[in-house]
PDB file of N, CA and C in Angstrom:
ATOM      1  N   MET A   1     -10.604  15.023  17.067  1.00  0.00           N
ATOM      2  CA  MET A   1      -9.735  13.804  16.425  1.00  0.00           C
ATOM      3  C   MET A   1      -8.510  14.109  16.090  1.00  0.00           C
ATOM      4  N   ASP A   2      -7.562  13.427  16.872  1.00  0.00           N
ATOM      5  CA  ASP A   2      -6.544  13.975  17.282  1.00  0.00           C
ATOM      6  C   ASP A   2      -5.381  12.771  15.910  1.00  0.00           C
ATOM      7  N   ASP A   3      -3.913  12.981  15.404  1.00  0.00           N
ATOM      8  CA  ASP A   3      -3.468  13.290  14.469  1.00  0.00           C
ATOM      9  C   ASP A   3      -3.102  11.482  14.205  1.00  0.00           C
ATOM     10  N   SER A   4      -3.833  10.284  15.554  1.00  0.00           N
ATOM     11  CA  SER A   4      -3.129   8.943  14.580  1.00  0.00           C
ATOM     12  C   SER A   4      -4.589   8.751  14.210  1.00  0.00           C
ATOM     13  N   ASP A   5      -5.650   9.068  14.475  1.00  0.00           N
ATOM     14  CA  ASP A   5      -6.893   8.883  13.457  1.00  0.00           C
ATOM     15  C   ASP A   5      -7.035   9.478  12.407  1.00  0.00           C
ATOM     16  N   SER A   6      -6.654  10.717  12.236  1.00  0.00           N
ATOM     17  CA  SER A   6      -6.451  11.121  10.661  1.00  0.00           C
ATOM     18  C   SER A   6      -5.627  10.602   9.952  1.00  0.00           C
ATOM     19  N   ASP A   7      -4.797   9.651  10.257  1.00  0.00           N
ATOM     20  CA  ASP A   7      -3.792   8.572   9.721  1.00  0.00           C
ATOM     21  C   ASP A   7      -4.890   7.611   9.259  1.00  0.00           C
ATOM     22  N   TRP A   8      -6.263   7.066   9.811  1.00  0.00           N
ATOM     23  CA  TRP A   8      -6.327   6.047   9.224  1.00  0.00           C
ATOM     24  C   TRP A   8      -7.535   7.034   8.066  1.00  0.00           C
ATOM     25  N   GLN A   9      -7.604   7.903   8.207  1.00  0.00           N
ATOM     26  CA  GLN A   9      -8.938   8.653   7.601  1.00  0.00           C
ATOM     27  C   GLN A   9      -7.904   9.137   6.041  1.00  0.00           C
ATOM     28  N   ARG A  10      -6.920   9.258   5.971  1.00  0.00           N
ATOM     29  CA  ARG A  10      -6.577   9.896   5.073  1.00  0.00           C
ATOM     30  C   ARG A  10      -6.607   9.387   3.823  1.00  0.00           C
ATOM     31  N   LYS A  11      -6.414   9.481   2.670  1.00  0.00           N
ATOM     32  CA  LYS A  11      -6.428   8.364   0.969  1.00  0.00           C
ATOM     33  C   LYS A  11      -4.794   8.260   0.838  1.00  0.00           C
ATOM     34  N   GLY A  12      -5.162   7.194   1.087  1.00  0.00           N
ATOM     35  CA  GLY A  12      -3.349   6.437   0.410  1.00  0.00           C
ATOM     36  C   GLY A  12      -2.963   6.493   1.882  1.00  0.00           C
ATOM     37  N   ALA A  13      -3.226   6.857   2.795  1.00  0.00           N
ATOM     38  CA  ALA A  13      -2.170   6.693   4.535  1.00  0.00           C
ATOM     39  C   ALA A  13      -2.129   5.101   4.797  1.00  0.00           C
ATOM     40  N   THR A  14      -3.185   4.420   4.356  1.00  0.00           N
ATOM     41  CA  THR A  14      -3.044   2.904   4.986  1.00  0.00           C
ATOM     42  C   THR A  14      -3.288   1.862   3.813  1.00  0.00           C
ATOM     43  N   LEU A  15      -2.744   0.358   4.049  1.00  0.00           N
ATOM     44  CA  LEU A  15      -2.708  -0.532   2.707  1.00  0.00           C
ATOM     45  C   LEU A  15      -3.068  -1.767   3.301  1.00  0.00           C
ATOM     46  N   SER A  16      -3.719  -2.596   2.781  1.00  0.00           N
ATOM     47  CA  SER A  16      -4.001  -4.011   3.394  1.00  0.00           C
ATOM     48  C   SER A  16      -3.054  -4.390   3.680  1.00  0.00           C
ATOM     49  N   ASP A  17      -2.729  -5.668   4.075  1.00  0.00           N
ATOM     50  CA  ASP A  17      -1.663  -6.581   4.466  1.00  0.00           C
ATOM     51  C   ASP A  17      -1.631  -7.247   3.308  1.00  0.00           C
ATOM     52  N   LYS A  18      -2.176  -7.263   2.617  1.00  0.00           N
ATOM     53  CA  LYS A  18      -1.982  -7.943   0.872  1.00  0.00           C
ATOM     54  C   LYS A  18      -0.710  -6.936   0.367  1.00  0.00           C
ATOM     55  N   THR A  19      -1.881  -5.970   0.414  1.00  0.00           N
ATOM     56  CA  THR A  19      -0.707  -4.987  -1.005  1.00  0.00           C
ATOM     57  C   THR A  19       0.744  -4.593  -0.113  1.00  0.00           C
ATOM     58  N   ALA A  20       0.925  -4.553   1.203  1.00  0.00           N
ATOM     59  CA  ALA A  20       2.229  -4.850   1.993  1.00  0.00           C
ATOM     60  C   ALA A  20       3.007  -6.067   1.342  1.00  0.00           C
ATOM     61  N   ARG A  21       2.499  -6.766   1.257  1.00  0.00           N
ATOM     62  CA  ARG A  21       3.478  -8.222   1.063  1.00  0.00           C
ATOM     63  C   ARG A  21       3.468  -7.947  -0.395  1.00  0.00           C
ATOM     64  N   GLU A  22       2.503  -7.686  -1.354  1.00  0.00           N
ATOM     65  CA  GLU A  22       2.981  -7.619  -2.774  1.00  0.00           C
ATOM     66  C   GLU A  22       3.776  -6.692  -2.780  1.00  0.00           C
ATOM     67  N   GLU A  23       3.722  -4.908  -2.591  1.00  0.00           N
ATOM     68  CA  GLU A  23       4.227  -3.760  -2.657  1.00  0.00           C
ATOM     69  C   GLU A  23       5.960  -3.668  -2.184  1.00  0.00           C
ATOM     70  N   PHE A  24       5.589  -4.289  -0.866  1.00  0.00           N
ATOM     71  CA  PHE A  24       7.172  -4.376  -0.217  1.00  0.00           C
ATOM     72  C   PHE A  24       7.920  -5.576  -0.218  1.00  0.00           C
ATOM     73  N   LYS A  25       6.985  -6.612  -0.509  1.00  0.00           N
ATOM     74  CA  LYS A  25       7.653  -7.833  -0.298  1.00  0.00           C
ATOM     75  C   LYS A  25       8.237  -8.804   1.091  1.00  0.00           C
ATOM     76  N   LEU A  26       7.143  -8.234   1.731  1.00  0.00           N
ATOM     77  CA  LEU A  26       6.932  -8.645   3.198  1.00  0.00           C
ATOM     78  C   LEU A  26       6.310  -9.852   3.403  1.00  0.00           C
ATOM     79  N   MET A  27       6.340 -10.964   4.083  1.00  0.00           N
ATOM     80  CA  MET A  27       6.045 -12.240   4.243  1.00  0.00           C
ATOM     81  C   MET A  27       4.273 -11.960   5.693  1.00  0.00           C
ATOM     82  N   GLN A  28       4.105 -12.489   5.713  1.00  0.00           N
ATOM     83  CA  GLN A  28       3.022 -12.705   6.290  1.00  0.00           C
ATOM     84  C   GLN A  28       3.369 -12.659   7.790  1.00  0.00           C
ATOM     85  N   ASP A  29       4.017 -13.573   8.121  1.00  0.00           N
ATOM     86  CA  ASP A  29       4.836 -13.909   9.548  1.00  0.00           C
ATOM     87  C   ASP A  29       5.763 -12.691  10.314  1.00  0.00           C
ATOM     88  N   GLU A  30       6.175 -11.729   9.032  1.00  0.00           N
ATOM     89  CA  GLU A  30       6.811 -10.482   9.341  1.00  0.00           C
ATOM     90  C   GLU A  30       5.928  -9.394   9.857  1.00  0.00           C
ATOM     91  N   ILE A  31       4.976  -9.360   9.131  1.00  0.00           N
ATOM     92  CA  ILE A  31       3.925  -8.435   9.336  1.00  0.00           C
ATOM     93  C   ILE A  31       2.629  -9.003  10.834  1.00  0.00           C
ATOM     94  N   ILE A  32       2.717 -10.050  11.131  1.00  0.00           N
ATOM     95  CA  ILE A  32       2.273 -10.439  12.211  1.00  0.00           C
ATOM     96  C   ILE A  32       3.078 -10.507  13.508  1.00  0.00           C
ATOM     97  N   GLN A  33       4.352 -10.225  13.207  1.00  0.00           N
ATOM     98  CA  GLN A  33       5.248 -10.477  14.059  1.00  0.00           C
ATOM     99  C   GLN A  33       5.516  -8.764  14.908  1.00  0.00           C
ATOM    100  N   ALA A  34       5.430  -7.797  13.495  1.00  0.00           N
ATOM    101  CA  ALA A  34       5.185  -6.821  13.912  1.00  0.00           C
ATOM    102  C   ALA A  34       4.298  -5.960  14.677  1.00  0.00           C
ATOM    103  N   ILE A  35       3.189  -6.572  14.286  1.00  0.00           N
ATOM    104  CA  ILE A  35       2.342  -6.265  15.261  1.00  0.00           C
ATOM    105  C   ILE A  35       1.851  -6.283  16.779  1.00  0.00           C
ATOM    106  N   ARG A  36       2.759  -8.128  16.906  1.00  0.00           N
ATOM    107  CA  ARG A  36       2.500  -8.201  18.262  1.00  0.00           C
ATOM    108  C   ARG A  36       3.409  -7.377  18.991  1.00  0.00           C
ATOM    109  N   ALA A  37       4.836  -7.205  18.485  1.00  0.00           N
ATOM    110  CA  ALA A  37       5.925  -6.715  18.997  1.00  0.00           C
ATOM    111  C   ALA A  37       5.250  -5.126  18.794  1.00  0.00           C
ATOM    112  N   GLY A  38       4.364  -4.400  18.861  1.00  0.00           N
ATOM    113  CA  GLY A  38       3.558  -3.151  18.827  1.00  0.00           C
ATOM    114  C   GLY A  38       3.774  -1.930  17.539  1.00  0.00           C
ATOM    115  N   THR A  39       4.867  -2.733  16.903  1.00  0.00           N
ATOM    116  CA  THR A  39       5.907  -1.854  15.590  1.00  0.00           C
ATOM    117  C   THR A  39       4.608  -1.280  14.495  1.00  0.00           C
ATOM    118  N   LEU A  40       3.645  -2.105  14.083  1.00  0.00           N
ATOM    119  CA  LEU A  40       2.291  -1.937  13.675  1.00  0.00           C
ATOM    120  C   LEU A  40       1.102  -1.905  13.982  1.00  0.00           C
ATOM    121  N   HIS A  41       0.430  -0.963  13.773  1.00  0.00           N
ATOM    122  CA  HIS A  41      -0.791  -0.653  14.488  1.00  0.00           C
ATOM    123  C   HIS A  41      -1.764  -1.195  13.178  1.00  0.00           C
ATOM    124  N   TYR A  42      -2.712  -1.880  13.658  1.00  0.00           N
ATOM    125  CA  TYR A  42      -3.940  -2.239  12.242  1.00  0.00           C
ATOM    126  C   TYR A  42      -5.402  -2.157  12.973  1.00  0.00           C
ATOM    127  N   ARG A  43      -6.167  -2.270  11.886  1.00  0.00           N
ATOM    128  CA  ARG A  43      -7.522  -2.355  11.915  1.00  0.00           C
ATOM    129  C   ARG A  43      -8.212  -3.790  11.227  1.00  0.00           C
ATOM    130  N   GLU A  44      -8.707  -4.332  11.721  1.00  0.00           N
ATOM    131  CA  GLU A  44      -9.604  -5.270  10.810  1.00  0.00           C
ATOM    132  C   GLU A  44     -10.608  -5.172  10.067  1.00  0.00           C
ATOM    133  N   GLY A  45     -10.782  -5.098   8.914  1.00  0.00           N
ATOM    134  CA  GLY A  45     -11.597  -5.466   7.838  1.00  0.00           C
ATOM    135  C   GLY A  45     -11.635  -6.481   7.388  1.00  0.00           C
ATOM    136  N   SER A  46     -13.346  -6.338   7.022  1.00  0.00           N
ATOM    137  CA  SER A  46     -14.159  -7.537   6.138  1.00  0.00           C
ATOM    138  C   SER A  46     -14.666  -7.459   4.769  1.00  0.00           C
ATOM    139  N   MET A  47     -14.158  -7.962   3.471  1.00  0.00           N
ATOM    140  CA  MET A  47     -14.668  -7.674   2.521  1.00  0.00           C
ATOM    141  C   MET A  47     -15.579  -8.977   1.701  1.00  0.00           C
ATOM    142  N   TYR A  48     -17.233  -8.946   1.981  1.00  0.00           N
ATOM    143  CA  TYR A  48     -17.638 -10.187   0.871  1.00  0.00           C
ATOM    144  C   TYR A  48     -17.172 -11.452   2.442  1.00  0.00           C
ATOM    145  N   GLY A  49     -16.976 -10.931   3.373  1.00  0.00           N
ATOM    146  CA  GLY A  49     -16.733 -12.453   4.657  1.00  0.00           C
ATOM    147  C   GLY A  49     -15.091 -12.759   4.537  1.00  0.00           C
ATOM    148  N   ASN A  50     -14.303 -12.078   3.791  1.00  0.00           N
ATOM    149  CA  ASN A  50     -12.917 -12.274   3.281  1.00  0.00           C
ATOM    150  C   ASN A  50     -12.088 -11.107   4.556  1.00  0.00           C
ATOM    151  N   PRO A  51     -11.530 -11.543   5.757  1.00  0.00           N
ATOM    152  CA  PRO A  51     -11.387 -10.998   6.713  1.00  0.00           C
ATOM    153  C   PRO A  51      -9.881 -10.184   6.055  1.00  0.00           C
ATOM    154  N   TRP A  52      -9.235  -9.154   6.363  1.00  0.00           N
ATOM    155  CA  TRP A  52      -8.013  -8.523   6.057  1.00  0.00           C
ATOM    156  C   TRP A  52      -7.647  -7.465   6.802  1.00  0.00           C
ATOM    157  N   LEU A  53      -6.519  -7.113   6.932  1.00  0.00           N
ATOM    158  CA  LEU A  53      -5.598  -6.342   7.923  1.00  0.00           C
ATOM    159  C   LEU A  53      -5.635  -5.120   6.983  1.00  0.00           C
ATOM    160  N   ARG A  54      -5.887  -4.052   8.030  1.00  0.00           N
ATOM    161  CA  ARG A  54      -5.556  -2.371   7.664  1.00  0.00           C
ATOM    162  C   ARG A  54      -4.616  -1.752   7.993  1.00  0.00           C
ATOM    163  N   LEU A  55      -3.284  -1.639   7.658  1.00  0.00           N
ATOM    164  CA  LEU A  55      -2.068  -0.712   7.962  1.00  0.00           C
ATOM    165  C   LEU A  55      -1.914   0.124   8.129  1.00  0.00           C
ATOM    166  N   LEU A  56      -1.289   1.089   8.576  1.00  0.00           N
ATOM    167  CA  LEU A  56      -0.846   2.451   8.203  1.00  0.00           C
ATOM    168  C   LEU A  56       0.659   2.310   7.239  1.00  0.00           C
ATOM    169  N   ARG A  57       0.296   3.186   6.451  1.00  0.00           N
ATOM    170  CA  ARG A  57       1.575   2.647   5.228  1.00  0.00           C
ATOM    171  C   ARG A  57       2.638   3.325   6.087  1.00  0.00           C
ATOM    172  N   ARG A  58       3.040   4.888   6.735  1.00  0.00           N
ATOM    173  CA  ARG A  58       4.161   5.231   7.714  1.00  0.00           C
ATOM    174  C   ARG A  58       4.698   3.904   8.432  1.00  0.00           C
ATOM    175  N   GLU A  59       4.057   3.320   8.928  1.00  0.00           N
ATOM    176  CA  GLU A  59       4.393   2.476   9.618  1.00  0.00           C
ATOM    177  C   GLU A  59       5.134   0.907   8.961  1.00  0.00           C
ATOM    178  N   VAL A  60       4.580   1.076   8.009  1.00  0.00           N
ATOM    179  CA  VAL A  60       4.854  -0.644   7.189  1.00  0.00           C
ATOM    180  C   VAL A  60       6.286  -0.109   6.596  1.00  0.00           C
ATOM    181  N   GLU A  61       6.735   1.228   5.930  1.00  0.00           N
ATOM    182  CA  GLU A  61       7.502   1.372   5.748  1.00  0.00           C
ATOM    183  C   GLU A  61       8.983   1.861   6.496  1.00  0.00           C
ATOM    184  N   ALA A  62       8.352   2.195   7.607  1.00  0.00           N
ATOM    185  CA  ALA A  62       9.308   2.361   8.897  1.00  0.00           C
ATOM    186  C   ALA A  62       9.958   1.083   9.173  1.00  0.00           C
ATOM    187  N   LEU A  63       9.152   0.022   9.313  1.00  0.00           N
ATOM    188  CA  LEU A  63       9.501  -1.589   9.380  1.00  0.00           C
ATOM    189  C   LEU A  63      10.208  -2.289   8.088  1.00  0.00           C
ATOM    190  N   VAL A  64       9.717  -1.465   6.678  1.00  0.00           N
ATOM    191  CA  VAL A  64      10.841  -2.756   5.901  1.00  0.00           C
ATOM    192  C   VAL A  64      12.241  -1.719   5.946  1.00  0.00           C
ATOM    193  N   LEU A  65      12.099  -0.134   6.029  1.00  0.00           N
ATOM    194  CA  LEU A  65      13.199   0.909   6.128  1.00  0.00           C
ATOM    195  C   LEU A  65      14.307   0.271   7.282  1.00  0.00           C
ATOM    196  N   LYS A  66      13.542  -0.644   8.813  1.00  0.00           N
ATOM    197  CA  LYS A  66      14.303  -1.049   9.747  1.00  0.00           C
ATOM    198  C   LYS A  66      14.845  -2.440   9.306  1.00  0.00           C
ATOM    199  N   LYS A  67      13.968  -3.121   8.279  1.00  0.00           N
ATOM    200  CA  LYS A  67      14.669  -4.307   8.423  1.00  0.00           C
ATOM    201  C   LYS A  67      15.435  -4.708   7.040  1.00  0.00           C
ATOM    202  N   HIS A  68      15.014  -3.827   6.036  1.00  0.00           N
ATOM    203  CA  HIS A  68      15.818  -4.021   4.680  1.00  0.00           C
ATOM    204  C   HIS A  68      17.147  -2.777   3.960  1.00  0.00           C
ATOM    205  N   GLY A  69      16.399  -1.702   4.669  1.00  0.00           N
ATOM    206  CA  GLY A  69      17.602  -0.313   4.374  1.00  0.00           C
ATOM    207  C   GLY A  69      16.675   0.286   3.545  1.00  0.00           C
ATOM    208  N   TYR A  70      17.327   1.678   3.577  1.00  0.00           N
ATOM    209  CA  TYR A  70      16.816   2.846   2.923  1.00  0.00           C
ATOM    210  C   TYR A  70      16.848   2.347   1.063  1.00  0.00           C
ATOM    211  N   LYS A  71      17.677   1.576   0.760  1.00  0.00           N
ATOM    212  CA  LYS A  71      17.738   1.664  -1.076  1.00  0.00           C
ATOM    213  C   LYS A  71      16.696   1.099  -1.152  1.00  0.00           C
ATOM    214  N   TYR A  72      16.804  -0.166  -0.421  1.00  0.00           N
ATOM    215  CA  TYR A  72      15.380  -1.064  -0.693  1.00  0.00           C
ATOM    216  C   TYR A  72      13.823  -0.426  -0.680  1.00  0.00           C
ATOM    217  N   LEU A  73      14.027   0.198   0.357  1.00  0.00           N
ATOM    218  CA  LEU A  73      12.378   0.843   0.353  1.00  0.00           C
ATOM    219  C   LEU A  73      12.248   1.913  -0.686  1.00  0.00           C
ATOM    220  N   ARG A  74      13.389   2.251  -1.010  1.00  0.00           N
ATOM    221  CA  ARG A  74      13.106   3.739  -2.359  1.00  0.00           C
ATOM    222  C   ARG A  74      13.062   2.814  -3.703  1.00  0.00           C
ATOM    223  N   ASP A  75      13.680   1.390  -3.477  1.00  0.00           N
ATOM    224  CA  ASP A  75      13.328   1.172  -4.823  1.00  0.00           C
ATOM    225  C   ASP A  75      12.365  -0.094  -4.747  1.00  0.00           C
ATOM    226  N   GLN A  76      11.627  -0.063  -4.042  1.00  0.00           N
ATOM    227  CA  GLN A  76      10.319  -0.623  -3.862  1.00  0.00           C
ATOM    228  C   GLN A  76       9.144   0.501  -4.149  1.00  0.00           C
ATOM    229  N   GLN A  77       9.048   1.612  -3.346  1.00  0.00           N
ATOM    230  CA  GLN A  77       8.352   2.600  -3.958  1.00  0.00           C
ATOM    231  C   GLN A  77       8.311   2.924  -5.194  1.00  0.00           C
ATOM    232  N   ALA A  78       9.737   3.410  -6.083  1.00  0.00           N
ATOM    233  CA  ALA A  78      10.194   3.494  -7.632  1.00  0.00           C
ATOM    234  C   ALA A  78       9.519   2.501  -8.232  1.00  0.00           C
ATOM    235  N   LYS A  79       9.243   0.982  -8.093  1.00  0.00           N
ATOM    236  CA  LYS A  79       8.538   0.297  -8.686  1.00  0.00           C
ATOM    237  C   LYS A  79       6.890   0.601  -8.548  1.00  0.00           C
ATOM    238  N   THR A  80       6.557   0.780  -7.417  1.00  0.00           N
ATOM    239  CA  THR A  80       5.037   0.875  -7.270  1.00  0.00           C
ATOM    240  C   THR A  80       4.767   2.185  -7.747  1.00  0.00           C
ATOM    241  N   GLU A  81       5.436   3.026  -7.761  1.00  0.00           N
ATOM    242  CA  GLU A  81       5.074   4.488  -8.509  1.00  0.00           C
ATOM    243  C   GLU A  81       5.003   4.370 -10.100  1.00  0.00           C
ATOM    244  N   LEU A  82       6.147   3.615 -10.226  1.00  0.00           N
ATOM    245  CA  LEU A  82       6.194   2.926 -12.229  1.00  0.00           C
ATOM    246  C   LEU A  82       5.012   2.005 -12.468  1.00  0.00           C
ATOM    247  N   ALA A  83       4.572   1.145 -11.595  1.00  0.00           N
ATOM    248  CA  ALA A  83       3.197   0.540 -12.147  1.00  0.00           C
ATOM    249  C   ALA A  83       1.983   1.352 -11.649  1.00  0.00           C
ATOM    250  N   ARG A  84       1.827   2.549 -11.076  1.00  0.00           N
ATOM    251  CA  ARG A  84       0.883   3.118 -10.971  1.00  0.00           C
ATOM    252  C   ARG A  84       0.953   4.306 -12.211  1.00  0.00           C
ATOM    253  N   ILE A  85       2.051   4.721 -12.217  1.00  0.00           N
ATOM    254  CA  ILE A  85       1.851   5.650 -13.802  1.00  0.00           C
ATOM    255  C   ILE A  85       1.543   4.666 -15.315  1.00  0.00           C
ATOM    256  N   ASN A  86       1.961   3.822 -15.287  1.00  0.00           N
ATOM    257  CA  ASN A  86       1.951   2.767 -16.567  1.00  0.00           C
ATOM    258  C   ASN A  86       0.346   2.450 -16.558  1.00  0.00           C
ATOM    259  N   HIS A  87      -0.096   2.341 -15.270  1.00  0.00           N
ATOM    260  CA  HIS A  87      -1.538   1.773 -15.366  1.00  0.00           C
ATOM    261  C   HIS A  87      -2.339   2.863 -15.488  1.00  0.00           C
ATOM    262  N   GLU A  88      -1.767   3.995 -15.274  1.00  0.00           N
ATOM    263  CA  GLU A  88      -3.125   5.279 -15.457  1.00  0.00           C
ATOM    264  C   GLU A  88      -2.601   5.863 -17.144  1.00  0.00           C
ATOM    265  N   LEU A  89      -1.472   5.526 -17.643  1.00  0.00           N
ATOM    266  CA  LEU A  89      -1.461   5.756 -18.966  1.00  0.00           C
ATOM    267  C   LEU A  89      -1.487   4.722 -20.160  1.00  0.00           C
ATOM    268  N   ARG A  90      -2.186   3.768 -19.640  1.00  0.00           N
ATOM    269  CA  ARG A  90      -3.140   2.634 -20.369  1.00  0.00           C
ATOM    270  C   ARG A  90      -4.353   2.960 -20.541  1.00  0.00           C
ATOM    271  N   ARG A  91      -4.978   3.797 -19.049  1.00  0.00           N
ATOM    272  CA  ARG A  91      -6.036   3.987 -18.761  1.00  0.00           C
ATOM    273  C   ARG A  91      -6.856   4.833 -19.736  1.00  0.00           C
ATOM    274  N   LEU A  92      -5.497   6.123 -19.719  1.00  0.00           N
ATOM    275  CA  LEU A  92      -5.505   7.703 -20.544  1.00  0.00           C
ATOM    276  C   LEU A  92      -5.386   7.300 -22.019  1.00  0.00           C
ATOM    277  N   LYS A  93      -4.998   6.227 -22.237  1.00  0.00           N
ATOM    278  CA  LYS A  93      -4.633   5.645 -24.007  1.00  0.00           C
ATOM    279  C   LYS A  93      -6.104   5.463 -24.402  1.00  0.00           C
ATOM    280  N   VAL A  94      -6.935   4.389 -23.623  1.00  0.00           N
ATOM    281  CA  VAL A  94      -7.881   3.926 -24.238  1.00  0.00           C
ATOM    282  C   VAL A  94      -9.082   4.667 -23.962  1.00  0.00           C
ATOM    283  N   GLN A  95      -9.128   6.028 -23.387  1.00  0.00           N
ATOM    284  CA  GLN A  95      -9.815   7.106 -23.170  1.00  0.00           C
ATOM    285  C   GLN A  95      -9.380   7.870 -24.767  1.00  0.00           C
ATOM    286  N   ILE A  96      -8.418   7.961 -24.863  1.00  0.00           N
ATOM    287  CA  ILE A  96      -8.414   8.891 -26.397  1.00  0.00           C
ATOM    288  C   ILE A  96      -8.612   8.189 -27.469  1.00  0.00           C
ATOM    289  N   ALA A  97      -8.340   6.706 -27.534  1.00  0.00           N
ATOM    290  CA  ALA A  97      -8.697   6.080 -28.621  1.00  0.00           C
ATOM    291  C   ALA A  97     -10.538   6.137 -28.579  1.00  0.00           C
ATOM    292  N   ARG A  98     -11.248   5.905 -27.031  1.00  0.00           N
ATOM    293  CA  ARG A  98     -12.689   5.797 -27.656  1.00  0.00           C
ATOM    294  C   ARG A  98     -13.047   7.703 -27.628  1.00  0.00           C
ATOM    295  N   LEU A  99     -12.487   8.691 -27.677  1.00  0.00           N
ATOM    296  CA  LEU A  99     -12.562   9.713 -28.346  1.00  0.00           C
ATOM    297  C   LEU A  99     -12.145   9.924 -29.299  1.00  0.00           C
ATOM    298  N   GLU A 100     -11.520   9.540 -29.765  1.00  0.00           N
ATOM    299  CA  GLU A 100     -11.208   9.800 -31.668  1.00  0.00           C
ATOM    300  C   GLU A 100     -11.940   9.447 -32.646  1.00  0.00           C
ATOM    301  N   GLU A 101     -12.834   7.415 -31.681  1.00  0.00           N
ATOM    302  CA  GLU A 101     -13.788   6.725 -32.212  1.00  0.00           C
ATOM    303  C   GLU A 101     -15.049   7.834 -32.959  1.00  0.00           C
ATOM    304  N   ARG A 102     -15.318   8.550 -31.596  1.00  0.00           N
ATOM    305  CA  ARG A 102     -16.457   9.354 -31.399  1.00  0.00           C
ATOM    306  C   ARG A 102     -16.543  10.505 -32.482  1.00  0.00           C
ATOM    307  N   SER A 103     -15.305  11.177 -32.759  1.00  0.00           N
ATOM    308  CA  SER A 103     -14.713  12.198 -33.510  1.00  0.00           C
ATOM    309  C   SER A 103     -14.757  11.829 -34.835  1.00  0.00           C
TER     310      SER A 103
END
């Protein structure tokens, strides 16, 4: 397995086109144009009959860096990381409350 195949297998190395739109504020047209230009590679997926595109995170980040700049990319990554951490904190608080109820 070469390096490009390992990227498709590694956890967190890919994201859906919907996640790319939400996380990096990209438009679907920008994603399609980048795919046609060869900037983004993709694999097709489908869940419950709904098609979606799986993209390599590093390529999406490179596209955002080129289109919007370093500061924008870092701001979006920080917002995403903060949302992930807040979600984890809420999950842990619920878990703590359940444990306290049991004791």
